[in-house]
Amino acid sequence: MVRHEERVTQVLLTLDAPTPASVRKALDAIGSTDTHLRDVAQSEAATLFVLGLAAATANVLAEDPRTGAETW
């Protein structure tokens, strides 16, 4: 089972030259909506952002938008 944070890492590593728009699009494709994504900005050669995966220490139950499968 692939955890959501692993899917986030995998999708971001596929981006050749991450921009705020491409980061948003890639994360949206795996179900990380804008409600989880904050402070996206371009800073010279880097795209910076904060992605809230969980409140406090709770696990995140994520649903794959392509298959409907749920993962923790």
PDB file of N, CA and C in Angstrom:
ATOM      1  N   MET A   1       0.850  -1.171   0.000  1.00  0.00           N
ATOM      2  CA  MET A   1       0.000   0.000   0.000  1.00  0.00           C
ATOM      3  C   MET A   1       0.902   1.243   0.000  1.00  0.00           C
ATOM      4  N   VAL A   2       0.631   2.149  -0.910  1.00  0.00           N
ATOM      5  CA  VAL A   2       1.407   3.385  -1.010  1.00  0.00           C
ATOM      6  C   VAL A   2       0.706   4.473  -0.219  1.00  0.00           C
ATOM      7  N   ARG A   3       1.443   5.049   0.727  1.00  0.00           N
ATOM      8  CA  ARG A   3       0.881   6.126   1.551  1.00  0.00           C
ATOM      9  C   ARG A   3       0.803   7.406   0.720  1.00  0.00           C
ATOM     10  N   HIS A   4      -0.094   8.298   1.136  1.00  0.00           N
ATOM     11  CA  HIS A   4      -0.310   9.544   0.394  1.00  0.00           C
ATOM     12  C   HIS A   4       0.974  10.358   0.286  1.00  0.00           C
ATOM     13  N   GLU A   5       1.739  10.450   1.365  1.00  0.00           N
ATOM     14  CA  GLU A   5       2.964  11.253   1.298  1.00  0.00           C
ATOM     15  C   GLU A   5       3.968  10.665   0.320  1.00  0.00           C
ATOM     16  N   GLU A   6       3.929   9.340   0.116  1.00  0.00           N
ATOM     17  CA  GLU A   6       4.798   8.714  -0.879  1.00  0.00           C
ATOM     18  C   GLU A   6       4.329   9.061  -2.286  1.00  0.00           C
ATOM     19  N   ARG A   7       3.014   9.088  -2.488  1.00  0.00           N
ATOM     20  CA  ARG A   7       2.486   9.486  -3.797  1.00  0.00           C
ATOM     21  C   ARG A   7       2.843  10.935  -4.099  1.00  0.00           C
ATOM     22  N   VAL A   8       2.802  11.795  -3.082  1.00  0.00           N
ATOM     23  CA  VAL A   8       3.181  13.205  -3.255  1.00  0.00           C
ATOM     24  C   VAL A   8       4.628  13.282  -3.720  1.00  0.00           C
ATOM     25  N   THR A   9       5.507  12.570  -3.034  1.00  0.00           N
ATOM     26  CA  THR A   9       6.924  12.578  -3.396  1.00  0.00           C
ATOM     27  C   THR A   9       7.118  12.064  -4.815  1.00  0.00           C
ATOM     28  N   GLN A  10       6.472  10.953  -5.148  1.00  0.00           N
ATOM     29  CA  GLN A  10       6.621  10.363  -6.477  1.00  0.00           C
ATOM     30  C   GLN A  10       6.176  11.316  -7.580  1.00  0.00           C
ATOM     31  N   VAL A  11       5.030  11.956  -7.394  1.00  0.00           N
ATOM     32  CA  VAL A  11       4.530  12.840  -8.445  1.00  0.00           C
ATOM     33  C   VAL A  11       5.398  14.095  -8.577  1.00  0.00           C
ATOM     34  N   LEU A  12       5.905  14.608  -7.481  1.00  0.00           N
ATOM     35  CA  LEU A  12       6.751  15.802  -7.560  1.00  0.00           C
ATOM     36  C   LEU A  12       8.099  15.500  -8.203  1.00  0.00           C
ATOM     37  N   LEU A  13       8.608  14.294  -8.009  1.00  0.00           N
ATOM     38  CA  LEU A  13       9.885  13.926  -8.621  1.00  0.00           C
ATOM     39  C   LEU A  13       9.782  13.786 -10.139  1.00  0.00           C
ATOM     40  N   THR A  14       8.573  13.676 -10.672  1.00  0.00           N
ATOM     41  CA  THR A  14       8.407  13.581 -12.123  1.00  0.00           C
ATOM     42  C   THR A  14       8.469  14.935 -12.813  1.00  0.00           C
ATOM     43  N   LEU A  15       8.403  16.011 -12.051  1.00  0.00           N
ATOM     44  CA  LEU A  15       8.412  17.356 -12.635  1.00  0.00           C
ATOM     45  C   LEU A  15       9.842  17.774 -12.968  1.00  0.00           C
ATOM     46  N   ASP A  16      10.081  18.083 -14.238  1.00  0.00           N
ATOM     47  CA  ASP A  16      11.424  18.499 -14.654  1.00  0.00           C
ATOM     48  C   ASP A  16      11.805  19.864 -14.102  1.00  0.00           C
ATOM     49  N   ALA A  17      10.921  20.824 -14.240  1.00  0.00           N
ATOM     50  CA  ALA A  17      11.178  22.182 -13.775  1.00  0.00           C
ATOM     51  C   ALA A  17       9.927  22.664 -13.045  1.00  0.00           C
ATOM     52  N   PRO A  18       9.796  22.315 -11.760  1.00  0.00           N
ATOM     53  CA  PRO A  18       8.569  22.648 -11.029  1.00  0.00           C
ATOM     54  C   PRO A  18       8.303  24.151 -10.967  1.00  0.00           C
ATOM     55  N   THR A  19       7.081  24.506 -11.280  1.00  0.00           N
ATOM     56  CA  THR A  19       6.606  25.877 -11.124  1.00  0.00           C
ATOM     57  C   THR A  19       5.411  25.810 -10.188  1.00  0.00           C
ATOM     58  N   PRO A  20       4.977  26.926  -9.633  1.00  0.00           N
ATOM     59  CA  PRO A  20       3.779  26.876  -8.794  1.00  0.00           C
ATOM     60  C   PRO A  20       2.593  26.231  -9.520  1.00  0.00           C
ATOM     61  N   ALA A  21       2.406  26.547 -10.790  1.00  0.00           N
ATOM     62  CA  ALA A  21       1.277  25.978 -11.540  1.00  0.00           C
ATOM     63  C   ALA A  21       1.430  24.474 -11.744  1.00  0.00           C
ATOM     64  N   SER A  22       2.633  24.004 -12.083  1.00  0.00           N
ATOM     65  CA  SER A  22       2.816  22.568 -12.319  1.00  0.00           C
ATOM     66  C   SER A  22       2.738  21.775 -11.019  1.00  0.00           C
ATOM     67  N   VAL A  23       3.181  22.358  -9.911  1.00  0.00           N
ATOM     68  CA  VAL A  23       3.068  21.698  -8.605  1.00  0.00           C
ATOM     69  C   VAL A  23       1.596  21.555  -8.239  1.00  0.00           C
ATOM     70  N   ARG A  24       0.827  22.632  -8.393  1.00  0.00           N
ATOM     71  CA  ARG A  24      -0.612  22.567  -8.101  1.00  0.00           C
ATOM     72  C   ARG A  24      -1.301  21.505  -8.963  1.00  0.00           C
ATOM     73  N   LYS A  25      -0.986  21.487 -10.253  1.00  0.00           N
ATOM     74  CA  LYS A  25      -1.611  20.541 -11.169  1.00  0.00           C
ATOM     75  C   LYS A  25      -1.255  19.102 -10.808  1.00  0.00           C
ATOM     76  N   ALA A  26       0.015  18.842 -10.506  1.00  0.00           N
ATOM     77  CA  ALA A  26       0.459  17.491 -10.162  1.00  0.00           C
ATOM     78  C   ALA A  26      -0.185  17.017  -8.867  1.00  0.00           C
ATOM     79  N   LEU A  27      -0.234  17.881  -7.864  1.00  0.00           N
ATOM     80  CA  LEU A  27      -0.827  17.497  -6.587  1.00  0.00           C
ATOM     81  C   LEU A  27      -2.337  17.333  -6.700  1.00  0.00           C
ATOM     82  N   ASP A  28      -2.961  18.166  -7.515  1.00  0.00           N
ATOM     83  CA  ASP A  28      -4.403  18.025  -7.731  1.00  0.00           C
ATOM     84  C   ASP A  28      -4.718  16.684  -8.395  1.00  0.00           C
ATOM     85  N   ALA A  29      -3.843  16.230  -9.271  1.00  0.00           N
ATOM     86  CA  ALA A  29      -4.051  14.965  -9.977  1.00  0.00           C
ATOM     87  C   ALA A  29      -4.074  13.762  -9.033  1.00  0.00           C
ATOM     88  N   ILE A  30      -3.427  13.884  -7.875  1.00  0.00           N
ATOM     89  CA  ILE A  30      -3.433  12.768  -6.911  1.00  0.00           C
ATOM     90  C   ILE A  30      -4.349  13.044  -5.728  1.00  0.00           C
ATOM     91  N   GLY A  31      -5.140  14.105  -5.832  1.00  0.00           N
ATOM     92  CA  GLY A  31      -6.147  14.358  -4.813  1.00  0.00           C
ATOM     93  C   GLY A  31      -5.755  15.302  -3.699  1.00  0.00           C
ATOM     94  N   SER A  32      -4.598  15.930  -3.787  1.00  0.00           N
ATOM     95  CA  SER A  32      -4.211  16.943  -2.787  1.00  0.00           C
ATOM     96  C   SER A  32      -4.772  18.276  -3.253  1.00  0.00           C
ATOM     97  N   THR A  33      -5.935  18.616  -2.765  1.00  0.00           N
ATOM     98  CA  THR A  33      -6.628  19.816  -3.224  1.00  0.00           C
ATOM     99  C   THR A  33      -5.968  21.077  -2.683  1.00  0.00           C
ATOM    100  N   ASP A  34      -6.395  22.199  -3.212  1.00  0.00           N
ATOM    101  CA  ASP A  34      -5.860  23.491  -2.764  1.00  0.00           C
ATOM    102  C   ASP A  34      -6.100  23.743  -1.285  1.00  0.00           C
ATOM    103  N   THR A  35      -7.058  23.054  -0.676  1.00  0.00           N
ATOM    104  CA  THR A  35      -7.275  23.246   0.753  1.00  0.00           C
ATOM    105  C   THR A  35      -6.094  22.722   1.559  1.00  0.00           C
ATOM    106  N   HIS A  36      -5.329  21.793   0.985  1.00  0.00           N
ATOM    107  CA  HIS A  36      -4.144  21.255   1.659  1.00  0.00           C
ATOM    108  C   HIS A  36      -2.865  21.995   1.275  1.00  0.00           C
ATOM    109  N   LEU A  37      -2.899  22.707   0.169  1.00  0.00           N
ATOM    110  CA  LEU A  37      -1.714  23.355  -0.381  1.00  0.00           C
ATOM    111  C   LEU A  37      -1.732  24.838  -0.035  1.00  0.00           C
ATOM    112  N   ARG A  38      -0.652  25.285   0.611  1.00  0.00           N
ATOM    113  CA  ARG A  38      -0.575  26.686   1.035  1.00  0.00           C
ATOM    114  C   ARG A  38       0.774  27.285   0.668  1.00  0.00           C
ATOM    115  N   ASP A  39       0.797  28.579   0.543  1.00  0.00           N
ATOM    116  CA  ASP A  39       2.033  29.348   0.379  1.00  0.00           C
ATOM    117  C   ASP A  39       2.875  28.889  -0.804  1.00  0.00           C
ATOM    118  N   VAL A  40       2.248  28.628  -1.949  1.00  0.00           N
ATOM    119  CA  VAL A  40       3.001  28.235  -3.142  1.00  0.00           C
ATOM    120  C   VAL A  40       3.629  29.488  -3.735  1.00  0.00           C
ATOM    121  N   ALA A  41       4.941  29.434  -3.932  1.00  0.00           N
ATOM    122  CA  ALA A  41       5.645  30.597  -4.458  1.00  0.00           C
ATOM    123  C   ALA A  41       6.904  30.167  -5.196  1.00  0.00           C
ATOM    124  N   GLN A  42       7.289  30.992  -6.164  1.00  0.00           N
ATOM    125  CA  GLN A  42       8.546  30.772  -6.885  1.00  0.00           C
ATOM    126  C   GLN A  42       9.601  31.643  -6.221  1.00  0.00           C
ATOM    127  N   SER A  43      10.715  31.052  -5.864  1.00  0.00           N
ATOM    128  CA  SER A  43      11.822  31.780  -5.239  1.00  0.00           C
ATOM    129  C   SER A  43      13.096  31.438  -5.988  1.00  0.00           C
ATOM    130  N   GLU A  44      13.475  32.302  -6.893  1.00  0.00           N
ATOM    131  CA  GLU A  44      14.612  32.060  -7.782  1.00  0.00           C
ATOM    132  C   GLU A  44      14.446  30.717  -8.477  1.00  0.00           C
ATOM    133  N   ALA A  45      15.292  29.732  -8.222  1.00  0.00           N
ATOM    134  CA  ALA A  45      15.233  28.451  -8.943  1.00  0.00           C
ATOM    135  C   ALA A  45      14.352  27.413  -8.264  1.00  0.00           C
ATOM    136  N   ALA A  46      13.720  27.759  -7.157  1.00  0.00           N
ATOM    137  CA  ALA A  46      12.943  26.769  -6.403  1.00  0.00           C
ATOM    138  C   ALA A  46      11.472  27.169  -6.316  1.00  0.00           C
ATOM    139  N   THR A  47      10.620  26.159  -6.291  1.00  0.00           N
ATOM    140  CA  THR A  47       9.206  26.365  -5.999  1.00  0.00           C
ATOM    141  C   THR A  47       8.980  25.902  -4.572  1.00  0.00           C
ATOM    142  N   LEU A  48       8.486  26.790  -3.742  1.00  0.00           N
ATOM    143  CA  LEU A  48       8.288  26.495  -2.330  1.00  0.00           C
ATOM    144  C   LEU A  48       6.803  26.385  -2.029  1.00  0.00           C
ATOM    145  N   PHE A  49       6.449  25.469  -1.121  1.00  0.00           N
ATOM    146  CA  PHE A  49       5.048  25.335  -0.730  1.00  0.00           C
ATOM    147  C   PHE A  49       4.950  24.579   0.578  1.00  0.00           C
ATOM    148  N   VAL A  50       3.780  24.691   1.190  1.00  0.00           N
ATOM    149  CA  VAL A  50       3.458  23.942   2.399  1.00  0.00           C
ATOM    150  C   VAL A  50       2.275  23.060   2.051  1.00  0.00           C
ATOM    151  N   LEU A  51       2.400  21.771   2.354  1.00  0.00           N
ATOM    152  CA  LEU A  51       1.327  20.826   2.085  1.00  0.00           C
ATOM    153  C   LEU A  51       0.918  20.194   3.401  1.00  0.00           C
ATOM    154  N   GLY A  52      -0.296  20.514   3.851  1.00  0.00           N
ATOM    155  CA  GLY A  52      -0.802  19.953   5.101  1.00  0.00           C
ATOM    156  C   GLY A  52      -1.390  18.579   4.854  1.00  0.00           C
ATOM    157  N   LEU A  53      -0.711  17.525   5.315  1.00  0.00           N
ATOM    158  CA  LEU A  53      -1.178  16.161   5.090  1.00  0.00           C
ATOM    159  C   LEU A  53      -2.115  15.664   6.170  1.00  0.00           C
ATOM    160  N   ALA A  54      -2.004  16.207   7.376  1.00  0.00           N
ATOM    161  CA  ALA A  54      -2.853  15.704   8.455  1.00  0.00           C
ATOM    162  C   ALA A  54      -2.948  16.742   9.553  1.00  0.00           C
ATOM    163  N   ALA A  55      -4.025  16.656  10.298  1.00  0.00           N
ATOM    164  CA  ALA A  55      -4.182  17.503  11.477  1.00  0.00           C
ATOM    165  C   ALA A  55      -3.572  16.779  12.667  1.00  0.00           C
ATOM    166  N   ALA A  56      -2.767  17.483  13.421  1.00  0.00           N
ATOM    167  CA  ALA A  56      -2.085  16.915  14.596  1.00  0.00           C
ATOM    168  C   ALA A  56      -1.308  15.674  14.179  1.00  0.00           C
ATOM    169  N   THR A  57      -1.585  14.536  14.807  1.00  0.00           N
ATOM    170  CA  THR A  57      -0.844  13.315  14.482  1.00  0.00           C
ATOM    171  C   THR A  57      -1.719  12.270  13.808  1.00  0.00           C
ATOM    172  N   ALA A  58      -2.883  12.674  13.358  1.00  0.00           N
ATOM    173  CA  ALA A  58      -3.806  11.724  12.724  1.00  0.00           C
ATOM    174  C   ALA A  58      -3.270  11.259  11.386  1.00  0.00           C
ATOM    175  N   ASN A  59      -3.609  10.042  11.020  1.00  0.00           N
ATOM    176  CA  ASN A  59      -3.274   9.533   9.700  1.00  0.00           C
ATOM    177  C   ASN A  59      -4.201  10.158   8.666  1.00  0.00           C
ATOM    178  N   VAL A  60      -3.774  10.125   7.437  1.00  0.00           N
ATOM    179  CA  VAL A  60      -4.570  10.677   6.347  1.00  0.00           C
ATOM    180  C   VAL A  60      -5.139   9.529   5.537  1.00  0.00           C
ATOM    181  N   LEU A  61      -6.433   9.532   5.356  1.00  0.00           N
ATOM    182  CA  LEU A  61      -7.064   8.567   4.471  1.00  0.00           C
ATOM    183  C   LEU A  61      -7.251   9.270   3.143  1.00  0.00           C
ATOM    184  N   ALA A  62      -6.567   8.772   2.117  1.00  0.00           N
ATOM    185  CA  ALA A  62      -6.626   9.398   0.807  1.00  0.00           C
ATOM    186  C   ALA A  62      -7.307   8.471  -0.174  1.00  0.00           C
ATOM    187  N   GLU A  63      -8.089   9.047  -1.068  1.00  0.00           N
ATOM    188  CA  GLU A  63      -8.728   8.267  -2.111  1.00  0.00           C
ATOM    189  C   GLU A  63      -8.070   8.589  -3.439  1.00  0.00           C
ATOM    190  N   ASP A  64      -7.646   7.559  -4.153  1.00  0.00           N
ATOM    191  CA  ASP A  64      -7.059   7.735  -5.471  1.00  0.00           C
ATOM    192  C   ASP A  64      -8.169   8.129  -6.430  1.00  0.00           C
ATOM    193  N   PRO A  65      -8.095   9.331  -7.033  1.00  0.00           N
ATOM    194  CA  PRO A  65      -9.186   9.781  -7.893  1.00  0.00           C
ATOM    195  C   PRO A  65      -9.345   8.930  -9.152  1.00  0.00           C
ATOM    196  N   ARG A  66      -8.293   8.213  -9.544  1.00  0.00           N
ATOM    197  CA  ARG A  66      -8.374   7.393 -10.743  1.00  0.00           C
ATOM    198  C   ARG A  66      -9.057   6.064 -10.485  1.00  0.00           C
ATOM    199  N   THR A  67      -8.805   5.457  -9.326  1.00  0.00           N
ATOM    200  CA  THR A  67      -9.330   4.115  -9.062  1.00  0.00           C
ATOM    201  C   THR A  67     -10.377   4.087  -7.962  1.00  0.00           C
ATOM    202  N   GLY A  68     -10.423   5.118  -7.139  1.00  0.00           N
ATOM    203  CA  GLY A  68     -11.341   5.129  -6.006  1.00  0.00           C
ATOM    204  C   GLY A  68     -10.808   4.367  -4.805  1.00  0.00           C
ATOM    205  N   ALA A  69      -9.603   3.789  -4.934  1.00  0.00           N
ATOM    206  CA  ALA A  69      -9.005   3.029  -3.829  1.00  0.00           C
ATOM    207  C   ALA A  69      -8.611   3.977  -2.709  1.00  0.00           C
ATOM    208  N   GLU A  70      -8.846   3.550  -1.489  1.00  0.00           N
ATOM    209  CA  GLU A  70      -8.470   4.354  -0.324  1.00  0.00           C
ATOM    210  C   GLU A  70      -7.174   3.822   0.271  1.00  0.00           C
ATOM    211  N   THR A  71      -6.300   4.739   0.667  1.00  0.00           N
ATOM    212  CA  THR A  71      -5.041   4.372   1.311  1.00  0.00           C
ATOM    213  C   THR A  71      -4.811   5.277   2.512  1.00  0.00           C
ATOM    214  N   TRP A  72      -4.037   4.806   3.429  1.00  0.00           N
ATOM    215  CA  TRP A  72      -3.659   5.598   4.616  1.00  0.00           C
ATOM    216  C   TRP A  72      -2.334   6.250   4.359  1.00  0.00           C
TER     217      TRP A  72
END
